[in-house]
PDB file of N, CA and C in Angstrom:
ATOM      1  N   MET A   1      51.170 -42.046  49.333  1.00  0.00           N
ATOM      2  CA  MET A   1      51.699 -40.705  49.630  1.00  0.00           C
ATOM      3  C   MET A   1      53.296 -40.630  49.912  1.00  0.00           C
ATOM      4  N   THR A   2      53.560 -41.728  50.542  1.00  0.00           N
ATOM      5  CA  THR A   2      55.056 -41.811  50.905  1.00  0.00           C
ATOM      6  C   THR A   2      55.925 -41.954  49.581  1.00  0.00           C
ATOM      7  N   GLY A   3      55.375 -42.747  48.764  1.00  0.00           N
ATOM      8  CA  GLY A   3      56.005 -43.048  47.343  1.00  0.00           C
ATOM      9  C   GLY A   3      56.282 -41.675  46.654  1.00  0.00           C
ATOM     10  N   PHE A   4      55.080 -40.792  46.719  1.00  0.00           N
ATOM     11  CA  PHE A   4      55.120 -39.424  45.912  1.00  0.00           C
ATOM     12  C   PHE A   4      56.172 -38.641  46.496  1.00  0.00           C
ATOM     13  N   LEU A   5      56.465 -38.453  47.887  1.00  0.00           N
ATOM     14  CA  LEU A   5      57.327 -37.686  48.505  1.00  0.00           C
ATOM     15  C   LEU A   5      58.646 -38.123  48.329  1.00  0.00           C
ATOM     16  N   LEU A   6      58.902 -39.354  48.253  1.00  0.00           N
ATOM     17  CA  LEU A   6      60.180 -40.037  47.983  1.00  0.00           C
ATOM     18  C   LEU A   6      60.669 -39.619  46.525  1.00  0.00           C
ATOM     19  N   SER A   7      59.630 -39.748  45.529  1.00  0.00           N
ATOM     20  CA  SER A   7      59.862 -39.461  44.215  1.00  0.00           C
ATOM     21  C   SER A   7      60.296 -38.100  44.128  1.00  0.00           C
ATOM     22  N   CYS A   8      59.687 -37.057  44.905  1.00  0.00           N
ATOM     23  CA  CYS A   8      59.895 -35.609  44.670  1.00  0.00           C
ATOM     24  C   CYS A   8      61.319 -35.244  45.153  1.00  0.00           C
ATOM     25  N   ASN A   9      61.711 -36.008  46.171  1.00  0.00           N
ATOM     26  CA  ASN A   9      63.048 -35.814  46.833  1.00  0.00           C
ATOM     27  C   ASN A   9      64.198 -36.268  45.942  1.00  0.00           C
ATOM     28  N   ILE A  10      63.910 -37.394  45.209  1.00  0.00           N
ATOM     29  CA  ILE A  10      65.008 -38.019  44.333  1.00  0.00           C
ATOM     30  C   ILE A  10      64.987 -36.975  43.222  1.00  0.00           C
ATOM     31  N   ASN A  11      63.904 -36.422  42.634  1.00  0.00           N
ATOM     32  CA  ASN A  11      63.955 -35.519  41.581  1.00  0.00           C
ATOM     33  C   ASN A  11      64.623 -34.184  41.871  1.00  0.00           C
ATOM     34  N   ASN A  12      64.397 -33.681  43.061  1.00  0.00           N
ATOM     35  CA  ASN A  12      65.001 -32.346  43.588  1.00  0.00           C
ATOM     36  C   ASN A  12      66.482 -32.474  43.700  1.00  0.00           C
ATOM     37  N   LYS A  13      67.109 -33.767  44.116  1.00  0.00           N
ATOM     38  CA  LYS A  13      68.472 -33.973  44.334  1.00  0.00           C
ATOM     39  C   LYS A  13      68.983 -33.987  42.893  1.00  0.00           C
ATOM     40  N   MET A  14      68.459 -34.787  42.060  1.00  0.00           N
ATOM     41  CA  MET A  14      68.837 -34.712  40.711  1.00  0.00           C
ATOM     42  C   MET A  14      68.952 -33.433  39.887  1.00  0.00           C
ATOM     43  N   GLU A  15      68.053 -32.623  40.242  1.00  0.00           N
ATOM     44  CA  GLU A  15      68.052 -31.285  39.707  1.00  0.00           C
ATOM     45  C   GLU A  15      69.013 -30.411  40.347  1.00  0.00           C
ATOM     46  N   GLU A  16      69.382 -30.488  41.533  1.00  0.00           N
ATOM     47  CA  GLU A  16      70.555 -29.847  42.248  1.00  0.00           C
ATOM     48  C   GLU A  16      71.918 -30.227  41.755  1.00  0.00           C
ATOM     49  N   LYS A  17      71.982 -31.515  41.396  1.00  0.00           N
ATOM     50  CA  LYS A  17      73.264 -32.124  40.964  1.00  0.00           C
ATOM     51  C   LYS A  17      73.518 -31.477  39.602  1.00  0.00           C
ATOM     52  N   THR A  18      72.337 -31.553  38.719  1.00  0.00           N
ATOM     53  CA  THR A  18      72.418 -31.052  37.486  1.00  0.00           C
ATOM     54  C   THR A  18      72.905 -29.603  37.414  1.00  0.00           C
ATOM     55  N   ILE A  19      72.104 -28.766  38.188  1.00  0.00           N
ATOM     56  CA  ILE A  19      72.547 -27.404  38.206  1.00  0.00           C
ATOM     57  C   ILE A  19      73.978 -27.115  38.739  1.00  0.00           C
ATOM     58  N   VAL A  20      74.509 -28.008  39.748  1.00  0.00           N
ATOM     59  CA  VAL A  20      75.878 -27.716  40.093  1.00  0.00           C
ATOM     60  C   VAL A  20      76.724 -28.129  39.007  1.00  0.00           C
ATOM     61  N   LYS A  21      76.480 -29.092  38.245  1.00  0.00           N
ATOM     62  CA  LYS A  21      77.379 -29.505  37.189  1.00  0.00           C
ATOM     63  C   LYS A  21      77.330 -28.474  36.017  1.00  0.00           C
ATOM     64  N   ILE A  22      76.260 -27.873  35.669  1.00  0.00           N
ATOM     65  CA  ILE A  22      76.025 -27.029  34.773  1.00  0.00           C
ATOM     66  C   ILE A  22      76.725 -25.718  35.213  1.00  0.00           C
ATOM     67  N   SER A  23      76.674 -25.241  36.402  1.00  0.00           N
ATOM     68  CA  SER A  23      77.319 -24.221  36.906  1.00  0.00           C
ATOM     69  C   SER A  23      78.771 -24.257  36.755  1.00  0.00           C
ATOM     70  N   LEU A  24      79.320 -25.479  37.147  1.00  0.00           N
ATOM     71  CA  LEU A  24      80.812 -25.659  37.101  1.00  0.00           C
ATOM     72  C   LEU A  24      81.339 -25.626  35.735  1.00  0.00           C
ATOM     73  N   VAL A  25      80.650 -26.283  34.768  1.00  0.00           N
ATOM     74  CA  VAL A  25      80.938 -26.131  33.235  1.00  0.00           C
ATOM     75  C   VAL A  25      81.065 -24.737  32.873  1.00  0.00           C
ATOM     76  N   ILE A  26      79.985 -23.977  33.173  1.00  0.00           N
ATOM     77  CA  ILE A  26      79.929 -22.568  32.648  1.00  0.00           C
ATOM     78  C   ILE A  26      81.157 -21.753  33.287  1.00  0.00           C
ATOM     79  N   THR A  27      81.307 -21.895  34.626  1.00  0.00           N
ATOM     80  CA  THR A  27      82.472 -21.133  35.215  1.00  0.00           C
ATOM     81  C   THR A  27      83.732 -21.680  34.676  1.00  0.00           C
ATOM     82  N   ILE A  28      84.049 -22.888  34.386  1.00  0.00           N
ATOM     83  CA  ILE A  28      85.253 -23.180  33.725  1.00  0.00           C
ATOM     84  C   ILE A  28      85.386 -22.678  32.439  1.00  0.00           C
ATOM     85  N   LEU A  29      84.347 -22.808  31.556  1.00  0.00           N
ATOM     86  CA  LEU A  29      84.277 -22.134  30.358  1.00  0.00           C
ATOM     87  C   LEU A  29      84.633 -20.511  30.310  1.00  0.00           C
ATOM     88  N   GLY A  30      83.925 -19.918  31.254  1.00  0.00           N
ATOM     89  CA  GLY A  30      83.934 -18.511  31.329  1.00  0.00           C
ATOM     90  C   GLY A  30      85.586 -18.130  31.774  1.00  0.00           C
ATOM     91  N   LEU A  31      86.136 -18.821  32.612  1.00  0.00           N
ATOM     92  CA  LEU A  31      87.426 -18.574  33.046  1.00  0.00           C
ATOM     93  C   LEU A  31      88.525 -18.914  31.831  1.00  0.00           C
ATOM     94  N   GLY A  32      88.186 -19.963  31.107  1.00  0.00           N
ATOM     95  CA  GLY A  32      89.004 -20.164  29.963  1.00  0.00           C
ATOM     96  C   GLY A  32      88.883 -19.179  28.948  1.00  0.00           C
ATOM     97  N   PHE A  33      87.706 -18.740  28.721  1.00  0.00           N
ATOM     98  CA  PHE A  33      87.425 -17.519  27.853  1.00  0.00           C
ATOM     99  C   PHE A  33      88.211 -16.228  28.191  1.00  0.00           C
ATOM    100  N   LEU A  34      88.037 -15.979  29.464  1.00  0.00           N
ATOM    101  CA  LEU A  34      88.781 -14.823  29.934  1.00  0.00           C
ATOM    102  C   LEU A  34      90.347 -14.799  29.917  1.00  0.00           C
ATOM    103  N   PHE A  35      90.843 -16.063  30.133  1.00  0.00           N
ATOM    104  CA  PHE A  35      92.312 -16.356  30.004  1.00  0.00           C
ATOM    105  C   PHE A  35      92.792 -16.152  28.559  1.00  0.00           C
ATOM    106  N   LEU A  36      91.929 -16.766  27.583  1.00  0.00           N
ATOM    107  CA  LEU A  36      92.315 -16.703  26.259  1.00  0.00           C
ATOM    108  C   LEU A  36      92.206 -15.381  25.531  1.00  0.00           C
ATOM    109  N   TYR A  37      91.129 -14.547  25.988  1.00  0.00           N
ATOM    110  CA  TYR A  37      90.835 -13.373  25.158  1.00  0.00           C
ATOM    111  C   TYR A  37      90.997 -11.968  26.057  1.00  0.00           C
ATOM    112  N   ALA A  38      91.561 -12.200  27.242  1.00  0.00           N
ATOM    113  CA  ALA A  38      91.829 -11.022  28.140  1.00  0.00           C
ATOM    114  C   ALA A  38      93.009 -10.091  27.259  1.00  0.00           C
ATOM    115  N   GLU A  39      92.783  -8.873  27.266  1.00  0.00           N
ATOM    116  CA  GLU A  39      93.883  -7.911  26.939  1.00  0.00           C
ATOM    117  C   GLU A  39      94.826  -7.863  27.952  1.00  0.00           C
ATOM    118  N   GLN A  40      96.145  -7.987  27.637  1.00  0.00           N
ATOM    119  CA  GLN A  40      97.164  -7.892  28.385  1.00  0.00           C
ATOM    120  C   GLN A  40      97.765  -6.476  28.223  1.00  0.00           C
ATOM    121  N   PHE A  41      98.030  -5.702  29.238  1.00  0.00           N
ATOM    122  CA  PHE A  41      98.571  -4.304  29.157  1.00  0.00           C
ATOM    123  C   PHE A  41     100.138  -4.527  29.558  1.00  0.00           C
ATOM    124  N   ASP A  42     100.877  -4.179  28.526  1.00  0.00           N
ATOM    125  CA  ASP A  42     102.295  -4.398  28.862  1.00  0.00           C
ATOM    126  C   ASP A  42     102.922  -3.105  29.294  1.00  0.00           C
ATOM    127  N   ALA A  43     103.005  -3.015  30.595  1.00  0.00           N
ATOM    128  CA  ALA A  43     103.355  -1.875  31.430  1.00  0.00           C
ATOM    129  C   ALA A  43     104.962  -1.681  31.254  1.00  0.00           C
ATOM    130  N   GLN A  44     105.359  -0.432  30.831  1.00  0.00           N
ATOM    131  CA  GLN A  44     106.826  -0.254  31.003  1.00  0.00           C
ATOM    132  C   GLN A  44     107.019   0.838  32.127  1.00  0.00           C
ATOM    133  N   LYS A  45     108.255   0.775  32.603  1.00  0.00           N
ATOM    134  CA  LYS A  45     108.660   1.855  33.532  1.00  0.00           C
ATOM    135  C   LYS A  45     108.732   3.246  33.005  1.00  0.00           C
ATOM    136  N   LEU A  46     107.931   4.140  33.643  1.00  0.00           N
ATOM    137  CA  LEU A  46     107.994   5.565  32.970  1.00  0.00           C
ATOM    138  C   LEU A  46     109.134   6.326  33.533  1.00  0.00           C
ATOM    139  N   GLU A  47     110.251   6.421  32.755  1.00  0.00           N
ATOM    140  CA  GLU A  47     111.380   7.244  33.003  1.00  0.00           C
ATOM    141  C   GLU A  47     111.014   8.876  33.006  1.00  0.00           C
ATOM    142  N   ASN A  48     110.485   9.255  32.007  1.00  0.00           N
ATOM    143  CA  ASN A  48     110.368  10.440  31.876  1.00  0.00           C
ATOM    144  C   ASN A  48     109.046  10.757  30.873  1.00  0.00           C
ATOM    145  N   LEU A  49     108.160  11.546  31.153  1.00  0.00           N
ATOM    146  CA  LEU A  49     106.932  11.790  30.403  1.00  0.00           C
ATOM    147  C   LEU A  49     107.420  12.456  29.134  1.00  0.00           C
ATOM    148  N   GLN A  50     108.263  13.382  29.147  1.00  0.00           N
ATOM    149  CA  GLN A  50     108.833  14.062  27.887  1.00  0.00           C
ATOM    150  C   GLN A  50     109.331  13.152  26.774  1.00  0.00           C
ATOM    151  N   SER A  51     109.817  11.819  27.129  1.00  0.00           N
ATOM    152  CA  SER A  51     110.218  10.901  26.238  1.00  0.00           C
ATOM    153  C   SER A  51     109.151  10.090  25.598  1.00  0.00           C
ATOM    154  N   ILE A  52     107.946  10.168  26.021  1.00  0.00           N
ATOM    155  CA  ILE A  52     106.858   9.452  25.530  1.00  0.00           C
ATOM    156  C   ILE A  52     106.246  10.242  24.351  1.00  0.00           C
ATOM    157  N   PRO A  53     105.884   9.603  23.296  1.00  0.00           N
ATOM    158  CA  PRO A  53     105.464  10.239  22.094  1.00  0.00           C
ATOM    159  C   PRO A  53     103.937  10.678  22.418  1.00  0.00           C
ATOM    160  N   SER A  54     103.471  11.733  21.791  1.00  0.00           N
ATOM    161  CA  SER A  54     102.119  12.293  21.871  1.00  0.00           C
ATOM    162  C   SER A  54     101.072  11.178  21.328  1.00  0.00           C
ATOM    163  N   ASP A  55     100.001  11.229  21.887  1.00  0.00           N
ATOM    164  CA  ASP A  55      98.866  10.157  21.510  1.00  0.00           C
ATOM    165  C   ASP A  55      99.259   8.711  21.861  1.00  0.00           C
ATOM    166  N   GLU A  56     100.235   8.529  22.784  1.00  0.00           N
ATOM    167  CA  GLU A  56     100.548   7.336  23.445  1.00  0.00           C
ATOM    168  C   GLU A  56      99.648   7.005  24.593  1.00  0.00           C
ATOM    169  N   TYR A  57      99.036   5.824  24.598  1.00  0.00           N
ATOM    170  CA  TYR A  57      98.216   5.627  25.899  1.00  0.00           C
ATOM    171  C   TYR A  57      99.076   5.044  26.945  1.00  0.00           C
ATOM    172  N   ILE A  58      99.074   5.523  28.183  1.00  0.00           N
ATOM    173  CA  ILE A  58      99.899   5.164  29.223  1.00  0.00           C
ATOM    174  C   ILE A  58      98.979   4.741  30.504  1.00  0.00           C
ATOM    175  N   GLN A  59      99.793   4.129  31.445  1.00  0.00           N
ATOM    176  CA  GLN A  59      99.024   3.874  32.807  1.00  0.00           C
ATOM    177  C   GLN A  59     100.158   4.287  33.753  1.00  0.00           C
ATOM    178  N   MET A  60      99.677   5.005  34.842  1.00  0.00           N
ATOM    179  CA  MET A  60     100.597   5.353  35.857  1.00  0.00           C
ATOM    180  C   MET A  60      99.976   5.333  37.220  1.00  0.00           C
ATOM    181  N   LYS A  61     100.804   5.201  38.351  1.00  0.00           N
ATOM    182  CA  LYS A  61     100.368   5.404  39.672  1.00  0.00           C
ATOM    183  C   LYS A  61     101.213   6.387  40.464  1.00  0.00           C
ATOM    184  N   GLY A  62     100.501   6.856  41.317  1.00  0.00           N
ATOM    185  CA  GLY A  62     101.072   7.897  42.128  1.00  0.00           C
ATOM    186  C   GLY A  62     100.365   8.644  43.113  1.00  0.00           C
ATOM    187  N   LYS A  63     100.944   9.629  43.807  1.00  0.00           N
ATOM    188  CA  LYS A  63     100.013  10.343  44.936  1.00  0.00           C
ATOM    189  C   LYS A  63      99.767  11.774  44.339  1.00  0.00           C
ATOM    190  N   VAL A  64      98.598  12.137  44.641  1.00  0.00           N
ATOM    191  CA  VAL A  64      98.203  13.512  44.089  1.00  0.00           C
ATOM    192  C   VAL A  64      98.869  14.473  45.058  1.00  0.00           C
ATOM    193  N   THR A  65      99.664  15.382  44.487  1.00  0.00           N
ATOM    194  CA  THR A  65     100.457  16.291  45.153  1.00  0.00           C
ATOM    195  C   THR A  65      99.763  17.731  45.051  1.00  0.00           C
ATOM    196  N   ARG A  66      98.962  18.004  43.968  1.00  0.00           N
ATOM    197  CA  ARG A  66      98.323  19.261  43.710  1.00  0.00           C
ATOM    198  C   ARG A  66      97.077  19.074  42.959  1.00  0.00           C
ATOM    199  N   MET A  67      95.993  19.815  43.279  1.00  0.00           N
ATOM    200  CA  MET A  67      94.711  19.656  42.552  1.00  0.00           C
ATOM    201  C   MET A  67      94.009  21.017  42.472  1.00  0.00           C
ATOM    202  N   LYS A  68      93.565  21.156  41.336  1.00  0.00           N
ATOM    203  CA  LYS A  68      92.722  22.407  41.006  1.00  0.00           C
ATOM    204  C   LYS A  68      91.476  22.018  40.150  1.00  0.00           C
ATOM    205  N   THR A  69      90.266  22.422  40.757  1.00  0.00           N
ATOM    206  CA  THR A  69      89.011  21.881  40.213  1.00  0.00           C
ATOM    207  C   THR A  69      88.493  23.090  39.425  1.00  0.00           C
ATOM    208  N   THR A  70      87.925  22.859  38.241  1.00  0.00           N
ATOM    209  CA  THR A  70      87.124  23.961  37.438  1.00  0.00           C
ATOM    210  C   THR A  70      85.778  23.411  37.111  1.00  0.00           C
ATOM    211  N   ASP A  71      84.974  24.085  36.417  1.00  0.00           N
ATOM    212  CA  ASP A  71      83.730  23.634  36.006  1.00  0.00           C
ATOM    213  C   ASP A  71      83.779  22.310  35.084  1.00  0.00           C
ATOM    214  N   ASN A  72      84.659  22.492  34.220  1.00  0.00           N
ATOM    215  CA  ASN A  72      84.835  21.315  33.269  1.00  0.00           C
ATOM    216  C   ASN A  72      85.788  20.222  33.597  1.00  0.00           C
ATOM    217  N   ALA A  73      86.787  20.521  34.326  1.00  0.00           N
ATOM    218  CA  ALA A  73      87.763  19.579  34.550  1.00  0.00           C
ATOM    219  C   ALA A  73      88.541  19.784  35.788  1.00  0.00           C
ATOM    220  N   VAL A  74      89.405  18.711  36.065  1.00  0.00           N
ATOM    221  CA  VAL A  74      90.059  18.684  37.183  1.00  0.00           C
ATOM    222  C   VAL A  74      91.657  18.562  36.793  1.00  0.00           C
ATOM    223  N   PHE A  75      92.462  19.536  37.344  1.00  0.00           N
ATOM    224  CA  PHE A  75      93.833  19.586  36.859  1.00  0.00           C
ATOM    225  C   PHE A  75      94.615  18.943  38.234  1.00  0.00           C
ATOM    226  N   LEU A  76      95.419  17.802  37.875  1.00  0.00           N
ATOM    227  CA  LEU A  76      96.115  17.202  38.992  1.00  0.00           C
ATOM    228  C   LEU A  76      97.696  17.256  38.770  1.00  0.00           C
ATOM    229  N   GLU A  77      98.399  17.245  39.774  1.00  0.00           N
ATOM    230  CA  GLU A  77      99.704  16.826  39.647  1.00  0.00           C
ATOM    231  C   GLU A  77     100.054  15.615  40.420  1.00  0.00           C
ATOM    232  N   ILE A  78     100.580  14.587  39.873  1.00  0.00           N
ATOM    233  CA  ILE A  78     100.799  13.239  40.548  1.00  0.00           C
ATOM    234  C   ILE A  78     102.226  12.949  40.641  1.00  0.00           C
ATOM    235  N   GLU A  79     102.631  12.625  41.813  1.00  0.00           N
ATOM    236  CA  GLU A  79     104.117  12.220  42.056  1.00  0.00           C
ATOM    237  C   GLU A  79     104.048  10.644  41.850  1.00  0.00           C
ATOM    238  N   GLY A  80     104.879  10.328  41.018  1.00  0.00           N
ATOM    239  CA  GLY A  80     105.082   8.818  40.728  1.00  0.00           C
ATOM    240  C   GLY A  80     105.947   8.206  41.685  1.00  0.00           C
ATOM    241  N   GLU A  81     106.219   6.910  41.639  1.00  0.00           N
ATOM    242  CA  GLU A  81     107.106   6.130  42.425  1.00  0.00           C
ATOM    243  C   GLU A  81     108.582   6.653  42.515  1.00  0.00           C
ATOM    244  N   LYS A  82     109.018   7.273  41.220  1.00  0.00           N
ATOM    245  CA  LYS A  82     110.323   7.696  41.099  1.00  0.00           C
ATOM    246  C   LYS A  82     110.492   9.407  41.272  1.00  0.00           C
ATOM    247  N   ILE A  83     109.405   9.774  42.057  1.00  0.00           N
ATOM    248  CA  ILE A  83     109.366  11.332  42.183  1.00  0.00           C
ATOM    249  C   ILE A  83     109.317  12.009  40.933  1.00  0.00           C
ATOM    250  N   ILE A  84     108.621  11.419  39.995  1.00  0.00           N
ATOM    251  CA  ILE A  84     108.460  12.191  38.697  1.00  0.00           C
ATOM    252  C   ILE A  84     107.120  12.792  38.741  1.00  0.00           C
ATOM    253  N   LYS A  85     107.036  14.162  38.579  1.00  0.00           N
ATOM    254  CA  LYS A  85     105.714  14.896  38.775  1.00  0.00           C
ATOM    255  C   LYS A  85     105.221  14.968  37.274  1.00  0.00           C
ATOM    256  N   THR A  86     103.836  14.659  37.102  1.00  0.00           N
ATOM    257  CA  THR A  86     103.260  14.678  35.848  1.00  0.00           C
ATOM    258  C   THR A  86     101.986  15.386  36.047  1.00  0.00           C
ATOM    259  N   ASP A  87     101.671  16.240  35.099  1.00  0.00           N
ATOM    260  CA  ASP A  87     100.504  16.911  35.054  1.00  0.00           C
ATOM    261  C   ASP A  87      99.369  15.980  34.490  1.00  0.00           C
ATOM    262  N   VAL A  88      98.119  16.089  35.104  1.00  0.00           N
ATOM    263  CA  VAL A  88      97.026  15.125  34.456  1.00  0.00           C
ATOM    264  C   VAL A  88      95.858  15.825  34.469  1.00  0.00           C
ATOM    265  N   ILE A  89      95.172  15.920  33.486  1.00  0.00           N
ATOM    266  CA  ILE A  89      93.815  16.530  33.336  1.00  0.00           C
ATOM    267  C   ILE A  89      92.611  15.432  33.215  1.00  0.00           C
ATOM    268  N   LEU A  90      91.721  15.638  33.973  1.00  0.00           N
ATOM    269  CA  LEU A  90      90.487  14.612  34.033  1.00  0.00           C
ATOM    270  C   LEU A  90      89.285  15.583  33.746  1.00  0.00           C
ATOM    271  N   PHE A  91      88.459  15.274  32.598  1.00  0.00           N
ATOM    272  CA  PHE A  91      87.313  15.971  32.255  1.00  0.00           C
ATOM    273  C   PHE A  91      86.304  15.049  32.830  1.00  0.00           C
ATOM    274  N   SER A  92      85.535  15.497  33.843  1.00  0.00           N
ATOM    275  CA  SER A  92      84.548  14.824  34.539  1.00  0.00           C
ATOM    276  C   SER A  92      83.240  15.753  34.778  1.00  0.00           C
ATOM    277  N   GLY A  93      82.098  15.236  34.531  1.00  0.00           N
ATOM    278  CA  GLY A  93      80.864  15.930  35.011  1.00  0.00           C
ATOM    279  C   GLY A  93      80.475  15.673  36.246  1.00  0.00           C
ATOM    280  N   GLU A  94      81.077  14.657  36.919  1.00  0.00           N
ATOM    281  CA  GLU A  94      80.800  14.165  38.161  1.00  0.00           C
ATOM    282  C   GLU A  94      81.694  14.718  39.406  1.00  0.00           C
ATOM    283  N   ASP A  95      81.078  14.778  40.474  1.00  0.00           N
ATOM    284  CA  ASP A  95      81.816  15.148  41.661  1.00  0.00           C
ATOM    285  C   ASP A  95      82.933  14.087  42.004  1.00  0.00           C
ATOM    286  N   LEU A  96      84.155  14.694  42.144  1.00  0.00           N
ATOM    287  CA  LEU A  96      85.160  13.664  42.575  1.00  0.00           C
ATOM    288  C   LEU A  96      85.450  13.809  44.093  1.00  0.00           C
ATOM    289  N   PHE A  97      85.599  12.669  44.618  1.00  0.00           N
ATOM    290  CA  PHE A  97      85.976  12.569  46.000  1.00  0.00           C
ATOM    291  C   PHE A  97      87.372  12.255  46.218  1.00  0.00           C
ATOM    292  N   LEU A  98      88.124  13.242  45.731  1.00  0.00           N
ATOM    293  CA  LEU A  98      89.564  13.168  45.720  1.00  0.00           C
ATOM    294  C   LEU A  98      90.237  14.353  46.558  1.00  0.00           C
ATOM    295  N   LYS A  99      91.360  14.109  47.081  1.00  0.00           N
ATOM    296  CA  LYS A  99      92.030  15.112  47.770  1.00  0.00           C
ATOM    297  C   LYS A  99      93.678  14.924  47.567  1.00  0.00           C
ATOM    298  N   GLU A 100      94.483  15.978  47.950  1.00  0.00           N
ATOM    299  CA  GLU A 100      95.708  15.934  47.861  1.00  0.00           C
ATOM    300  C   GLU A 100      96.216  14.909  48.784  1.00  0.00           C
ATOM    301  N   GLY A 101      97.206  14.073  48.413  1.00  0.00           N
ATOM    302  CA  GLY A 101      97.718  13.053  49.244  1.00  0.00           C
ATOM    303  C   GLY A 101      97.109  11.647  48.951  1.00  0.00           C
ATOM    304  N   ASP A 102      96.122  11.544  48.296  1.00  0.00           N
ATOM    305  CA  ASP A 102      95.641  10.413  47.798  1.00  0.00           C
ATOM    306  C   ASP A 102      96.410   9.585  46.740  1.00  0.00           C
ATOM    307  N   TYR A 103      96.365   8.343  46.878  1.00  0.00           N
ATOM    308  CA  TYR A 103      96.970   7.612  45.874  1.00  0.00           C
ATOM    309  C   TYR A 103      96.152   7.022  44.680  1.00  0.00           C
ATOM    310  N   VAL A 104      96.555   7.339  43.481  1.00  0.00           N
ATOM    311  CA  VAL A 104      95.602   7.180  42.323  1.00  0.00           C
ATOM    312  C   VAL A 104      96.326   6.328  41.329  1.00  0.00           C
ATOM    313  N   GLU A 105      95.477   5.484  40.485  1.00  0.00           N
ATOM    314  CA  GLU A 105      96.087   5.069  39.272  1.00  0.00           C
ATOM    315  C   GLU A 105      95.334   5.528  38.072  1.00  0.00           C
ATOM    316  N   VAL A 106      96.156   6.114  37.015  1.00  0.00           N
ATOM    317  CA  VAL A 106      95.486   6.854  36.043  1.00  0.00           C
ATOM    318  C   VAL A 106      95.899   6.181  34.663  1.00  0.00           C
ATOM    319  N   GLU A 107      94.973   6.113  33.857  1.00  0.00           N
ATOM    320  CA  GLU A 107      95.149   5.797  32.450  1.00  0.00           C
ATOM    321  C   GLU A 107      94.690   6.864  31.443  1.00  0.00           C
ATOM    322  N   GLY A 108      95.566   7.193  30.459  1.00  0.00           N
ATOM    323  CA  GLY A 108      94.978   8.151  29.500  1.00  0.00           C
ATOM    324  C   GLY A 108      96.151   8.317  28.409  1.00  0.00           C
ATOM    325  N   MET A 109      95.917   9.484  27.729  1.00  0.00           N
ATOM    326  CA  MET A 109      96.693   9.747  26.534  1.00  0.00           C
ATOM    327  C   MET A 109      97.647  10.938  26.745  1.00  0.00           C
ATOM    328  N   VAL A 110      98.882  10.743  26.335  1.00  0.00           N
ATOM    329  CA  VAL A 110      99.867  11.844  26.485  1.00  0.00           C
ATOM    330  C   VAL A 110      99.672  12.740  25.383  1.00  0.00           C
ATOM    331  N   GLU A 111      99.620  14.035  25.690  1.00  0.00           N
ATOM    332  CA  GLU A 111      99.325  15.265  24.776  1.00  0.00           C
ATOM    333  C   GLU A 111     100.488  16.156  25.136  1.00  0.00           C
ATOM    334  N   ASP A 112     100.691  17.098  24.032  1.00  0.00           N
ATOM    335  CA  ASP A 112     101.388  18.370  24.141  1.00  0.00           C
ATOM    336  C   ASP A 112     100.726  19.409  24.349  1.00  0.00           C
ATOM    337  N   TYR A 113     101.169  20.250  25.333  1.00  0.00           N
ATOM    338  CA  TYR A 113     100.323  21.521  25.578  1.00  0.00           C
ATOM    339  C   TYR A 113     101.463  22.532  25.981  1.00  0.00           C
ATOM    340  N   ASN A 114     101.745  23.535  25.166  1.00  0.00           N
ATOM    341  CA  ASN A 114     102.687  24.649  25.409  1.00  0.00           C
ATOM    342  C   ASN A 114     104.015  23.952  25.749  1.00  0.00           C
ATOM    343  N   HIS A 115     104.368  23.201  24.728  1.00  0.00           N
ATOM    344  CA  HIS A 115     105.575  22.387  24.718  1.00  0.00           C
ATOM    345  C   HIS A 115     106.127  21.588  25.910  1.00  0.00           C
ATOM    346  N   GLN A 116     104.982  21.129  26.728  1.00  0.00           N
ATOM    347  CA  GLN A 116     105.041  20.309  27.860  1.00  0.00           C
ATOM    348  C   GLN A 116     104.105  19.196  27.655  1.00  0.00           C
ATOM    349  N   LYS A 117     104.499  17.848  28.189  1.00  0.00           N
ATOM    350  CA  LYS A 117     103.781  16.787  28.086  1.00  0.00           C
ATOM    351  C   LYS A 117     102.846  16.747  29.240  1.00  0.00           C
ATOM    352  N   GLU A 118     101.583  16.261  29.042  1.00  0.00           N
ATOM    353  CA  GLU A 118     100.620  16.005  30.068  1.00  0.00           C
ATOM    354  C   GLU A 118      99.850  14.930  29.689  1.00  0.00           C
ATOM    355  N   VAL A 119      98.845  14.436  30.736  1.00  0.00           N
ATOM    356  CA  VAL A 119      98.091  13.330  30.422  1.00  0.00           C
ATOM    357  C   VAL A 119      96.721  13.688  30.586  1.00  0.00           C
ATOM    358  N   ILE A 120      95.898  13.312  29.282  1.00  0.00           N
ATOM    359  CA  ILE A 120      94.469  13.486  29.479  1.00  0.00           C
ATOM    360  C   ILE A 120      93.865  12.162  29.923  1.00  0.00           C
ATOM    361  N   ALA A 121      93.426  12.142  31.239  1.00  0.00           N
ATOM    362  CA  ALA A 121      92.857  10.966  31.859  1.00  0.00           C
ATOM    363  C   ALA A 121      91.550  10.434  31.192  1.00  0.00           C
ATOM    364  N   SER A 122      91.613   9.156  30.985  1.00  0.00           N
ATOM    365  CA  SER A 122      90.425   8.576  30.539  1.00  0.00           C
ATOM    366  C   SER A 122      89.814   7.721  31.565  1.00  0.00           C
ATOM    367  N   LYS A 123      90.769   7.334  32.573  1.00  0.00           N
ATOM    368  CA  LYS A 123      90.269   6.483  33.832  1.00  0.00           C
ATOM    369  C   LYS A 123      91.030   6.745  34.935  1.00  0.00           C
ATOM    370  N   MET A 124      90.362   7.043  36.089  1.00  0.00           N
ATOM    371  CA  MET A 124      91.285   7.263  37.200  1.00  0.00           C
ATOM    372  C   MET A 124      90.687   6.383  38.381  1.00  0.00           C
ATOM    373  N   VAL A 125      91.458   5.797  39.156  1.00  0.00           N
ATOM    374  CA  VAL A 125      90.989   4.772  40.250  1.00  0.00           C
ATOM    375  C   VAL A 125      91.759   5.202  41.518  1.00  0.00           C
ATOM    376  N   LEU A 126      90.942   5.451  42.526  1.00  0.00           N
ATOM    377  CA  LEU A 126      91.506   5.927  43.831  1.00  0.00           C
ATOM    378  C   LEU A 126      91.835   4.522  44.455  1.00  0.00           C
ATOM    379  N   LYS A 127      93.218   4.441  44.885  1.00  0.00           N
ATOM    380  CA  LYS A 127      93.749   3.211  45.488  1.00  0.00           C
ATOM    381  C   LYS A 127      93.701   3.371  46.976  1.00  0.00           C
TER     382      LYS A 127
END
């Protein structure tokens, strides 16, 4: 009986070591894959939205200074780090837990509307 228990303990330890080794190999391979294939976003300083061509994808950060909610969209004014105010439109079917004064990060496309540039947000993150 003692030989059987000793045999089981040795096998369990071997299985644990094998699982740890496999986990480490998978983790290292996964990190290597992410390092090699991750998209890099080459962020530029945004001097003025008017200088950005339409249909350009941008990323910006700033404080929400004005917000208007309708049935289909949320209209925001975001004050960037250089006190540049930008109109942002977010079409969302979900409730937004956002208020004026919140700091957000926005990604979206630049569009022309009534000879003014605005951002149609595809992603917004509350910071």
